[in-house]
């Protein structure tokens, strides 16, 4: 009986320690990748403003070309929603909404994941002139894990998990826009 009490006490102490540590762990995460595309800023922005075009360059869209897609609203405008559902667990189910547009410069999105886990994250694409016929494209991603789930951020490498996908998506975008 004493050994069971000790085991129970040890388990409770470990849980308490984890909860205390979680108070001091960051809750937000963000990352950004960029690439220079040899096209004018207007051409690049006019392509990336349309959420449906992400199907052509986003790594996540390319993982399952057979995923179910549903669109609501007018693409390229605030309020447009692209919903997806895939049997591929890496793609899952969710929707992305255009939440803001600064014409010619920036597009903001809200990502709402439903499966395999629920979360809401935010992404953006920024276009900056890098010369007469070159554009710097920045693709960013940010999110938040509330207490005590933020403890998982100690064990998750968001840069390593999402960074390569953003980079590959930008490389795909560059190829598409630079191909005559």
N, C-alpha and C. Protein backbone atom coordinates (compact mmCIF):
# COMPACT_ATOMS: atom_id res chain seq x y z
N UNK A 1 0.81 -1.20 0.00
CA UNK A 1 0.00 0.00 0.00
C UNK A 1 0.86 1.26 0.00
N UNK A 2 1.97 1.25 0.75
CA UNK A 2 2.86 2.40 0.79
C UNK A 2 3.46 2.68 -0.59
N UNK A 3 3.77 1.63 -1.30
CA UNK A 3 4.37 1.81 -2.63
C UNK A 3 3.37 2.45 -3.58
N UNK A 4 2.10 2.11 -3.49
CA UNK A 4 1.07 2.72 -4.33
C UNK A 4 0.92 4.20 -4.00
N UNK A 5 0.97 4.55 -2.73
CA UNK A 5 0.90 5.95 -2.33
C UNK A 5 2.09 6.73 -2.88
N UNK A 6 3.26 6.13 -2.82
CA UNK A 6 4.46 6.80 -3.33
C UNK A 6 4.37 6.99 -4.85
N UNK A 7 3.90 5.98 -5.53
CA UNK A 7 3.75 6.09 -6.99
C UNK A 7 2.74 7.18 -7.31
N UNK A 8 1.62 7.20 -6.61
CA UNK A 8 0.60 8.21 -6.82
C UNK A 8 1.15 9.60 -6.52
N UNK A 9 1.89 9.74 -5.45
CA UNK A 9 2.50 11.02 -5.09
C UNK A 9 3.49 11.47 -6.16
N UNK A 10 4.29 10.53 -6.67
CA UNK A 10 5.25 10.84 -7.72
C UNK A 10 4.54 11.32 -8.99
N UNK A 11 3.47 10.65 -9.37
CA UNK A 11 2.71 11.04 -10.55
C UNK A 11 2.12 12.44 -10.36
N UNK A 12 1.54 12.70 -9.22
CA UNK A 12 0.97 14.02 -8.93
C UNK A 12 2.04 15.10 -8.93
N UNK A 13 3.22 14.78 -8.38
CA UNK A 13 4.33 15.74 -8.35
C UNK A 13 4.79 16.06 -9.78
N UNK A 14 4.85 15.05 -10.64
CA UNK A 14 5.26 15.27 -12.03
C UNK A 14 4.23 16.12 -12.78
N UNK A 15 2.97 15.87 -12.55
CA UNK A 15 1.91 16.67 -13.17
C UNK A 15 2.00 18.12 -12.69
N UNK A 16 2.18 18.30 -11.39
CA UNK A 16 2.29 19.66 -10.84
C UNK A 16 3.51 20.38 -11.41
N UNK A 17 4.62 19.68 -11.53
CA UNK A 17 5.83 20.28 -12.09
C UNK A 17 5.59 20.69 -13.55
N UNK A 18 4.95 19.83 -14.31
CA UNK A 18 4.66 20.16 -15.71
C UNK A 18 3.77 21.40 -15.81
N UNK A 19 2.77 21.49 -14.95
CA UNK A 19 1.87 22.66 -14.96
C UNK A 19 2.60 23.94 -14.55
N UNK A 20 3.52 23.83 -13.64
CA UNK A 20 4.31 25.00 -13.22
C UNK A 20 5.23 25.43 -14.36
N UNK A 21 5.90 24.48 -15.00
CA UNK A 21 6.79 24.79 -16.11
C UNK A 21 6.00 25.47 -17.24
N UNK A 22 4.79 24.98 -17.51
CA UNK A 22 3.96 25.52 -18.60
C UNK A 22 3.64 27.00 -18.41
N UNK A 23 3.61 27.46 -17.17
CA UNK A 23 3.35 28.88 -16.91
C UNK A 23 4.44 29.75 -17.54
N UNK A 24 5.66 29.23 -17.61
CA UNK A 24 6.80 30.02 -18.09
C UNK A 24 7.17 29.75 -19.55
N UNK A 25 6.49 28.81 -20.18
CA UNK A 25 6.80 28.48 -21.58
C UNK A 25 6.03 29.43 -22.49
N UNK A 26 6.67 29.85 -23.58
CA UNK A 26 6.00 30.75 -24.52
C UNK A 26 4.73 30.11 -25.06
N UNK A 27 3.79 30.94 -25.43
CA UNK A 27 2.51 30.45 -25.93
C UNK A 27 2.37 30.70 -27.43
N UNK A 28 3.15 31.61 -27.98
CA UNK A 28 3.06 31.95 -29.39
C UNK A 28 4.23 31.36 -30.16
N UNK A 29 3.99 31.13 -31.43
CA UNK A 29 5.05 30.71 -32.34
C UNK A 29 4.82 31.40 -33.68
N UNK A 30 5.90 31.64 -34.40
CA UNK A 30 5.78 32.24 -35.72
C UNK A 30 7.02 31.92 -36.53
N UNK A 31 6.83 31.93 -37.84
CA UNK A 31 7.95 31.73 -38.74
C UNK A 31 7.63 32.40 -40.06
N UNK A 32 8.67 32.68 -40.82
CA UNK A 32 8.51 33.35 -42.10
C UNK A 32 9.60 32.86 -43.04
N UNK A 33 9.24 32.71 -44.30
CA UNK A 33 10.19 32.37 -45.34
C UNK A 33 10.00 33.37 -46.48
N UNK A 34 11.05 33.54 -47.28
CA UNK A 34 10.95 34.49 -48.39
C UNK A 34 11.71 33.97 -49.59
N UNK A 35 11.34 34.50 -50.75
CA UNK A 35 12.01 34.15 -52.01
C UNK A 35 11.84 35.33 -52.96
N UNK A 36 12.80 35.49 -53.86
CA UNK A 36 12.69 36.53 -54.88
C UNK A 36 12.20 35.88 -56.17
N UNK A 37 11.15 36.46 -56.71
CA UNK A 37 10.54 35.98 -57.95
C UNK A 37 10.84 37.01 -59.04
N UNK A 38 11.33 36.54 -60.16
CA UNK A 38 11.69 37.44 -61.26
C UNK A 38 10.46 37.78 -62.10
N UNK A 39 9.57 38.49 -61.49
CA UNK A 39 8.35 39.05 -62.11
C UNK A 39 8.03 40.34 -61.38
N UNK A 40 7.25 41.18 -62.01
CA UNK A 40 6.89 42.45 -61.37
C UNK A 40 6.01 42.20 -60.15
N UNK A 41 6.05 43.15 -59.26
CA UNK A 41 5.26 43.06 -58.03
C UNK A 41 3.77 42.93 -58.35
N UNK A 42 3.30 43.64 -59.36
CA UNK A 42 1.89 43.57 -59.75
C UNK A 42 1.51 42.17 -60.20
N UNK A 43 2.36 41.55 -61.06
CA UNK A 43 2.08 40.20 -61.54
C UNK A 43 2.04 39.20 -60.39
N UNK A 44 3.01 39.31 -59.50
CA UNK A 44 3.09 38.36 -58.37
C UNK A 44 1.89 38.54 -57.46
N UNK A 45 1.59 39.78 -57.09
CA UNK A 45 0.46 40.01 -56.19
C UNK A 45 -0.85 39.54 -56.82
N UNK A 46 -1.02 39.83 -58.11
CA UNK A 46 -2.25 39.43 -58.79
C UNK A 46 -2.41 37.91 -58.84
N UNK A 47 -1.32 37.17 -58.73
CA UNK A 47 -1.41 35.71 -58.69
C UNK A 47 -1.68 35.20 -57.27
N UNK A 48 -0.92 35.70 -56.30
CA UNK A 48 -1.05 35.16 -54.93
C UNK A 48 -2.32 35.63 -54.23
N UNK A 49 -2.95 36.70 -54.70
CA UNK A 49 -4.17 37.18 -54.05
C UNK A 49 -5.30 36.16 -54.15
N UNK A 50 -5.25 35.31 -55.16
CA UNK A 50 -6.31 34.30 -55.35
C UNK A 50 -5.96 33.04 -54.58
N UNK A 51 -6.78 32.74 -53.61
CA UNK A 51 -6.56 31.59 -52.73
C UNK A 51 -6.57 30.28 -53.51
N UNK A 52 -7.38 30.21 -54.55
CA UNK A 52 -7.44 28.99 -55.37
C UNK A 52 -6.08 28.69 -56.01
N UNK A 53 -5.27 29.71 -56.25
CA UNK A 53 -3.95 29.48 -56.85
C UNK A 53 -3.00 28.75 -55.91
N UNK A 54 -3.28 28.76 -54.60
CA UNK A 54 -2.43 28.01 -53.67
C UNK A 54 -2.44 26.52 -53.98
N UNK A 55 -3.51 26.05 -54.64
CA UNK A 55 -3.56 24.64 -55.04
C UNK A 55 -2.41 24.29 -55.98
N UNK A 56 -1.86 25.28 -56.66
CA UNK A 56 -0.78 25.05 -57.62
C UNK A 56 0.61 25.06 -57.00
N UNK A 57 0.76 25.69 -55.83
CA UNK A 57 2.11 25.79 -55.26
C UNK A 57 2.22 25.37 -53.80
N UNK A 58 1.14 25.36 -53.05
CA UNK A 58 1.21 24.99 -51.64
C UNK A 58 1.51 23.49 -51.49
N UNK A 59 2.51 23.18 -50.69
CA UNK A 59 2.89 21.79 -50.46
C UNK A 59 1.71 21.00 -49.89
N UNK A 60 0.92 21.64 -49.03
CA UNK A 60 -0.19 20.93 -48.40
C UNK A 60 -1.27 20.58 -49.42
N UNK A 61 -1.53 21.47 -50.36
CA UNK A 61 -2.51 21.19 -51.40
C UNK A 61 -2.01 20.09 -52.33
N UNK A 62 -0.72 20.09 -52.60
CA UNK A 62 -0.14 19.11 -53.52
C UNK A 62 -0.02 17.72 -52.90
N UNK A 63 -0.11 17.61 -51.56
CA UNK A 63 -0.02 16.31 -50.90
C UNK A 63 -1.18 15.40 -51.29
N UNK A 64 -2.34 15.98 -51.51
CA UNK A 64 -3.52 15.19 -51.86
C UNK A 64 -4.32 15.91 -52.95
N UNK A 65 -3.96 15.66 -54.22
CA UNK A 65 -4.69 16.33 -55.30
C UNK A 65 -6.16 15.94 -55.37
N UNK A 66 -6.55 14.84 -54.70
CA UNK A 66 -7.94 14.37 -54.75
C UNK A 66 -8.77 14.85 -53.57
N UNK A 67 -8.22 15.73 -52.73
CA UNK A 67 -8.99 16.20 -51.58
C UNK A 67 -10.25 16.93 -52.05
N UNK A 68 -11.27 16.87 -51.20
CA UNK A 68 -12.51 17.59 -51.50
C UNK A 68 -12.29 19.06 -51.18
N UNK A 69 -12.72 19.92 -52.09
CA UNK A 69 -12.59 21.37 -51.90
C UNK A 69 -13.96 22.01 -52.04
N UNK A 70 -14.17 23.04 -51.25
CA UNK A 70 -15.40 23.82 -51.33
C UNK A 70 -15.03 25.28 -51.15
N UNK A 71 -15.64 26.14 -51.97
CA UNK A 71 -15.31 27.56 -51.94
C UNK A 71 -16.56 28.37 -51.63
N UNK A 72 -16.36 29.43 -50.85
CA UNK A 72 -17.45 30.33 -50.49
C UNK A 72 -16.99 31.77 -50.72
N UNK A 73 -17.77 32.54 -51.48
CA UNK A 73 -17.44 33.93 -51.71
C UNK A 73 -16.72 34.15 -53.02
N UNK A 74 -16.13 35.32 -53.14
CA UNK A 74 -15.42 35.72 -54.36
C UNK A 74 -13.92 35.65 -54.08
N UNK A 75 -13.24 34.77 -54.82
CA UNK A 75 -11.81 34.60 -54.62
C UNK A 75 -11.07 35.91 -54.85
N UNK A 76 -10.05 36.14 -54.03
CA UNK A 76 -9.25 37.35 -54.14
C UNK A 76 -9.83 38.53 -53.38
N UNK A 77 -10.91 38.27 -52.59
CA UNK A 77 -11.52 39.33 -51.80
C UNK A 77 -11.63 38.89 -50.34
N UNK A 78 -11.70 39.86 -49.45
CA UNK A 78 -11.86 39.57 -48.03
C UNK A 78 -13.16 38.79 -47.82
N UNK A 79 -13.07 37.71 -47.04
CA UNK A 79 -14.23 36.89 -46.75
C UNK A 79 -14.28 35.61 -47.57
N UNK A 80 -13.44 35.49 -48.61
CA UNK A 80 -13.42 34.26 -49.40
C UNK A 80 -12.89 33.13 -48.54
N UNK A 81 -13.56 31.97 -48.61
CA UNK A 81 -13.17 30.80 -47.82
C UNK A 81 -12.92 29.62 -48.74
N UNK A 82 -11.80 28.97 -48.52
CA UNK A 82 -11.46 27.73 -49.20
C UNK A 82 -11.43 26.64 -48.14
N UNK A 83 -12.37 25.68 -48.24
CA UNK A 83 -12.43 24.58 -47.27
C UNK A 83 -11.90 23.32 -47.94
N UNK A 84 -11.28 22.46 -47.14
CA UNK A 84 -10.74 21.22 -47.67
C UNK A 84 -11.03 20.06 -46.74
N UNK A 85 -11.05 18.87 -47.31
CA UNK A 85 -11.20 17.64 -46.53
C UNK A 85 -10.43 16.54 -47.24
N UNK A 86 -9.53 15.91 -46.51
CA UNK A 86 -8.67 14.89 -47.09
C UNK A 86 -8.60 13.68 -46.18
N UNK A 87 -8.44 12.51 -46.78
CA UNK A 87 -8.22 11.29 -46.02
C UNK A 87 -6.77 11.19 -45.56
N UNK A 88 -5.88 12.00 -46.14
CA UNK A 88 -4.48 12.04 -45.75
C UNK A 88 -4.39 12.78 -44.41
N UNK A 89 -3.89 12.12 -43.39
CA UNK A 89 -3.83 12.71 -42.04
C UNK A 89 -2.93 13.94 -41.98
N UNK A 90 -1.96 14.07 -42.89
CA UNK A 90 -1.10 15.25 -42.91
C UNK A 90 -1.85 16.47 -43.44
N UNK A 91 -2.90 16.24 -44.20
CA UNK A 91 -3.68 17.33 -44.79
C UNK A 91 -4.91 17.61 -43.95
N UNK A 92 -5.63 16.57 -43.55
CA UNK A 92 -6.76 16.70 -42.65
C UNK A 92 -7.95 17.45 -43.22
N UNK A 93 -8.59 18.21 -42.36
CA UNK A 93 -9.81 18.93 -42.71
C UNK A 93 -9.74 20.32 -42.09
N UNK A 94 -10.19 21.31 -42.85
CA UNK A 94 -10.19 22.67 -42.32
C UNK A 94 -10.61 23.67 -43.37
N UNK A 95 -10.33 24.93 -43.08
CA UNK A 95 -10.66 25.98 -44.03
C UNK A 95 -9.71 27.16 -43.83
N UNK A 96 -9.57 27.92 -44.91
CA UNK A 96 -8.72 29.11 -44.88
C UNK A 96 -9.54 30.27 -45.43
N UNK A 97 -9.50 31.39 -44.71
CA UNK A 97 -10.28 32.56 -45.10
C UNK A 97 -9.37 33.76 -45.31
N UNK A 98 -9.63 34.52 -46.37
CA UNK A 98 -8.92 35.78 -46.57
C UNK A 98 -9.53 36.79 -45.59
N UNK A 99 -8.70 37.30 -44.69
CA UNK A 99 -9.21 38.23 -43.67
C UNK A 99 -8.78 39.67 -43.89
N UNK A 100 -7.82 39.89 -44.76
CA UNK A 100 -7.38 41.25 -45.02
C UNK A 100 -6.55 41.35 -46.27
N UNK A 101 -6.69 42.45 -46.97
CA UNK A 101 -5.88 42.69 -48.17
C UNK A 101 -5.44 44.15 -48.16
N UNK A 102 -4.13 44.35 -48.28
CA UNK A 102 -3.59 45.67 -48.55
C UNK A 102 -3.17 45.58 -50.02
N UNK A 103 -3.93 46.23 -50.87
CA UNK A 103 -3.78 46.08 -52.32
C UNK A 103 -2.33 46.21 -52.77
N UNK A 104 -1.88 45.18 -53.48
CA UNK A 104 -0.54 45.18 -54.04
C UNK A 104 0.57 44.86 -53.06
N UNK A 105 0.22 44.65 -51.77
CA UNK A 105 1.27 44.49 -50.77
C UNK A 105 1.13 43.28 -49.85
N UNK A 106 -0.08 43.02 -49.36
CA UNK A 106 -0.21 42.01 -48.30
C UNK A 106 -1.59 41.37 -48.32
N UNK A 107 -1.61 40.07 -48.02
CA UNK A 107 -2.86 39.32 -47.87
C UNK A 107 -2.76 38.56 -46.55
N UNK A 108 -3.78 38.67 -45.72
CA UNK A 108 -3.83 37.97 -44.44
C UNK A 108 -4.91 36.89 -44.50
N UNK A 109 -4.60 35.76 -43.85
CA UNK A 109 -5.51 34.62 -43.84
C UNK A 109 -5.69 34.10 -42.42
N UNK A 110 -6.84 33.51 -42.18
CA UNK A 110 -7.06 32.75 -40.95
C UNK A 110 -7.23 31.30 -41.36
N UNK A 111 -6.43 30.43 -40.75
CA UNK A 111 -6.49 29.00 -41.00
C UNK A 111 -7.21 28.34 -39.84
N UNK A 112 -8.28 27.62 -40.14
CA UNK A 112 -9.02 26.92 -39.09
C UNK A 112 -8.94 25.42 -39.37
N UNK A 113 -8.11 24.74 -38.58
CA UNK A 113 -7.96 23.30 -38.71
C UNK A 113 -9.04 22.60 -37.90
N UNK A 114 -9.62 21.56 -38.46
CA UNK A 114 -10.65 20.78 -37.77
C UNK A 114 -10.16 19.37 -37.44
N UNK A 115 -9.44 18.76 -38.34
CA UNK A 115 -8.88 17.41 -38.16
C UNK A 115 -7.48 17.40 -38.74
N UNK A 116 -6.54 16.68 -38.21
CA UNK A 116 -6.63 15.73 -37.12
C UNK A 116 -6.64 16.38 -35.74
N UNK A 117 -6.50 17.71 -35.67
CA UNK A 117 -6.59 18.43 -34.40
C UNK A 117 -7.25 19.77 -34.69
N UNK A 118 -7.78 20.39 -33.66
CA UNK A 118 -8.42 21.69 -33.83
C UNK A 118 -7.48 22.80 -33.41
N UNK A 119 -7.33 23.77 -34.30
CA UNK A 119 -6.56 24.97 -33.95
C UNK A 119 -6.86 26.06 -34.97
N UNK A 120 -6.53 27.26 -34.59
CA UNK A 120 -6.65 28.40 -35.49
C UNK A 120 -5.29 29.07 -35.56
N UNK A 121 -4.81 29.24 -36.78
CA UNK A 121 -3.52 29.88 -37.01
C UNK A 121 -3.70 30.99 -38.03
N UNK A 122 -2.66 31.77 -38.21
CA UNK A 122 -2.74 32.92 -39.10
C UNK A 122 -1.56 32.88 -40.05
N UNK A 123 -1.84 33.20 -41.31
CA UNK A 123 -0.78 33.26 -42.31
C UNK A 123 -0.90 34.57 -43.07
N UNK A 124 0.16 34.90 -43.77
CA UNK A 124 0.15 36.09 -44.61
C UNK A 124 1.11 35.90 -45.75
N UNK A 125 0.88 36.67 -46.80
CA UNK A 125 1.82 36.77 -47.91
C UNK A 125 2.04 38.26 -48.16
N UNK A 126 3.31 38.61 -48.26
CA UNK A 126 3.71 39.99 -48.50
C UNK A 126 4.51 40.03 -49.80
N UNK A 127 4.23 41.04 -50.63
CA UNK A 127 5.03 41.25 -51.84
C UNK A 127 5.70 42.61 -51.74
N UNK A 128 7.02 42.62 -51.98
CA UNK A 128 7.80 43.86 -51.94
C UNK A 128 8.62 43.95 -53.22
N UNK A 129 8.67 45.11 -53.80
CA UNK A 129 9.46 45.31 -55.00
C UNK A 129 10.93 45.08 -54.69
N UNK A 130 11.58 44.32 -55.58
CA UNK A 130 13.02 44.06 -55.44
C UNK A 130 13.72 44.48 -56.73
N UNK A 131 13.18 45.48 -57.40
CA UNK A 131 13.71 45.96 -58.67
C UNK A 131 12.58 46.08 -59.68
N UNK A 132 12.94 46.42 -60.91
CA UNK A 132 11.93 46.63 -61.95
C UNK A 132 11.10 45.38 -62.23
N UNK A 133 11.75 44.25 -62.28
CA UNK A 133 11.00 43.03 -62.60
C UNK A 133 11.33 41.90 -61.63
N UNK A 134 11.44 42.25 -60.37
CA UNK A 134 11.69 41.25 -59.32
C UNK A 134 10.87 41.61 -58.09
N UNK A 135 10.38 40.57 -57.42
CA UNK A 135 9.53 40.77 -56.25
C UNK A 135 9.98 39.84 -55.13
N UNK A 136 10.14 40.40 -53.96
CA UNK A 136 10.40 39.60 -52.77
C UNK A 136 9.05 39.17 -52.21
N UNK A 137 8.86 37.85 -52.10
CA UNK A 137 7.61 37.30 -51.55
C UNK A 137 7.92 36.71 -50.19
N UNK A 138 7.17 37.13 -49.19
CA UNK A 138 7.31 36.60 -47.83
C UNK A 138 6.04 35.85 -47.48
N UNK A 139 6.21 34.64 -46.94
CA UNK A 139 5.08 33.82 -46.53
C UNK A 139 5.28 33.52 -45.05
N UNK A 140 4.36 33.96 -44.23
CA UNK A 140 4.50 33.79 -42.79
C UNK A 140 3.37 32.99 -42.18
N UNK A 141 3.65 32.44 -41.02
CA UNK A 141 2.72 31.57 -40.31
C UNK A 141 2.87 31.83 -38.83
N UNK A 142 1.76 31.99 -38.11
CA UNK A 142 1.85 32.18 -36.66
C UNK A 142 0.65 31.53 -35.98
N UNK A 143 0.85 31.21 -34.72
CA UNK A 143 -0.22 30.59 -33.96
C UNK A 143 0.03 30.71 -32.47
N UNK A 144 -0.86 30.10 -31.73
CA UNK A 144 -0.80 30.19 -30.27
C UNK A 144 -1.30 28.89 -29.67
N UNK A 145 -0.66 28.46 -28.61
CA UNK A 145 -1.13 27.32 -27.83
C UNK A 145 -1.37 27.82 -26.42
N UNK A 146 -2.59 27.69 -25.96
CA UNK A 146 -2.94 28.17 -24.64
C UNK A 146 -2.42 27.22 -23.55
N UNK A 147 -2.32 27.76 -22.35
CA UNK A 147 -1.91 27.00 -21.17
C UNK A 147 -2.93 25.90 -20.91
N UNK A 148 -2.57 24.72 -20.59
CA UNK A 148 -1.24 24.15 -20.41
C UNK A 148 -0.69 23.46 -21.66
N UNK A 149 -1.46 23.52 -22.78
CA UNK A 149 -1.03 22.86 -24.01
C UNK A 149 0.26 23.48 -24.56
N UNK A 150 0.57 24.72 -24.16
CA UNK A 150 1.79 25.36 -24.62
C UNK A 150 3.04 24.59 -24.20
N UNK A 151 2.91 23.70 -23.24
CA UNK A 151 4.02 22.86 -22.82
C UNK A 151 4.55 22.04 -24.00
N UNK A 152 3.66 21.71 -24.95
CA UNK A 152 4.07 20.93 -26.11
C UNK A 152 5.08 21.68 -26.98
N UNK A 153 5.09 23.02 -26.91
CA UNK A 153 6.03 23.79 -27.70
C UNK A 153 7.49 23.52 -27.31
N UNK A 154 7.69 23.00 -26.10
CA UNK A 154 9.05 22.61 -25.71
C UNK A 154 9.55 21.43 -26.54
N UNK A 155 8.62 20.64 -27.04
CA UNK A 155 8.98 19.42 -27.75
C UNK A 155 8.70 19.48 -29.25
N UNK A 156 8.09 20.57 -29.69
CA UNK A 156 7.75 20.72 -31.10
C UNK A 156 8.67 21.75 -31.74
N UNK A 157 9.26 21.40 -32.84
CA UNK A 157 10.11 22.31 -33.60
C UNK A 157 9.28 22.87 -34.75
N UNK A 158 8.57 23.97 -34.51
CA UNK A 158 7.69 24.54 -35.53
C UNK A 158 8.50 24.98 -36.75
N UNK A 159 9.68 25.53 -36.54
CA UNK A 159 10.54 25.91 -37.67
C UNK A 159 10.86 24.69 -38.52
N UNK A 160 11.21 23.60 -37.86
CA UNK A 160 11.56 22.37 -38.59
C UNK A 160 10.36 21.69 -39.22
N UNK A 161 9.21 21.83 -38.57
CA UNK A 161 8.00 21.18 -39.08
C UNK A 161 7.38 21.95 -40.25
N UNK A 162 7.30 23.27 -40.13
CA UNK A 162 6.59 24.08 -41.12
C UNK A 162 7.50 24.84 -42.08
N UNK A 163 8.70 25.17 -41.64
CA UNK A 163 9.62 25.95 -42.47
C UNK A 163 9.88 25.34 -43.84
N UNK A 164 10.24 24.06 -43.91
CA UNK A 164 10.48 23.45 -45.22
C UNK A 164 9.25 23.46 -46.13
N UNK A 165 8.05 23.33 -45.56
CA UNK A 165 6.84 23.38 -46.38
C UNK A 165 6.63 24.77 -46.97
N UNK A 166 6.87 25.82 -46.17
CA UNK A 166 6.77 27.18 -46.69
C UNK A 166 7.81 27.42 -47.78
N UNK A 167 9.05 26.96 -47.52
CA UNK A 167 10.13 27.13 -48.50
C UNK A 167 9.79 26.43 -49.81
N UNK A 168 9.34 25.18 -49.73
CA UNK A 168 9.01 24.43 -50.94
C UNK A 168 7.84 25.07 -51.68
N UNK A 169 6.87 25.57 -50.94
CA UNK A 169 5.75 26.27 -51.57
C UNK A 169 6.21 27.50 -52.32
N UNK A 170 7.13 28.25 -51.74
CA UNK A 170 7.66 29.44 -52.40
C UNK A 170 8.48 29.07 -53.64
N UNK A 171 9.24 27.98 -53.56
CA UNK A 171 9.99 27.51 -54.73
C UNK A 171 9.02 27.13 -55.85
N UNK A 172 7.94 26.45 -55.49
CA UNK A 172 6.91 26.10 -56.48
C UNK A 172 6.29 27.36 -57.09
N UNK A 173 5.99 28.35 -56.25
CA UNK A 173 5.42 29.61 -56.73
C UNK A 173 6.38 30.28 -57.72
N UNK A 174 7.64 30.33 -57.37
CA UNK A 174 8.67 30.93 -58.24
C UNK A 174 8.70 30.24 -59.60
N UNK A 175 8.69 28.90 -59.61
CA UNK A 175 8.71 28.15 -60.87
C UNK A 175 7.49 28.48 -61.72
N UNK A 176 6.33 28.52 -61.10
CA UNK A 176 5.10 28.81 -61.82
C UNK A 176 5.15 30.20 -62.45
N UNK A 177 5.55 31.19 -61.66
CA UNK A 177 5.51 32.57 -62.14
C UNK A 177 6.64 32.90 -63.11
N UNK A 178 7.75 32.19 -63.01
CA UNK A 178 8.87 32.49 -63.90
C UNK A 178 8.86 31.66 -65.19
N UNK A 179 7.98 30.67 -65.27
CA UNK A 179 7.88 29.87 -66.48
C UNK A 179 7.07 30.63 -67.52
N UNK A 180 7.66 30.83 -68.69
CA UNK A 180 6.96 31.60 -69.72
C UNK A 180 5.69 30.91 -70.23
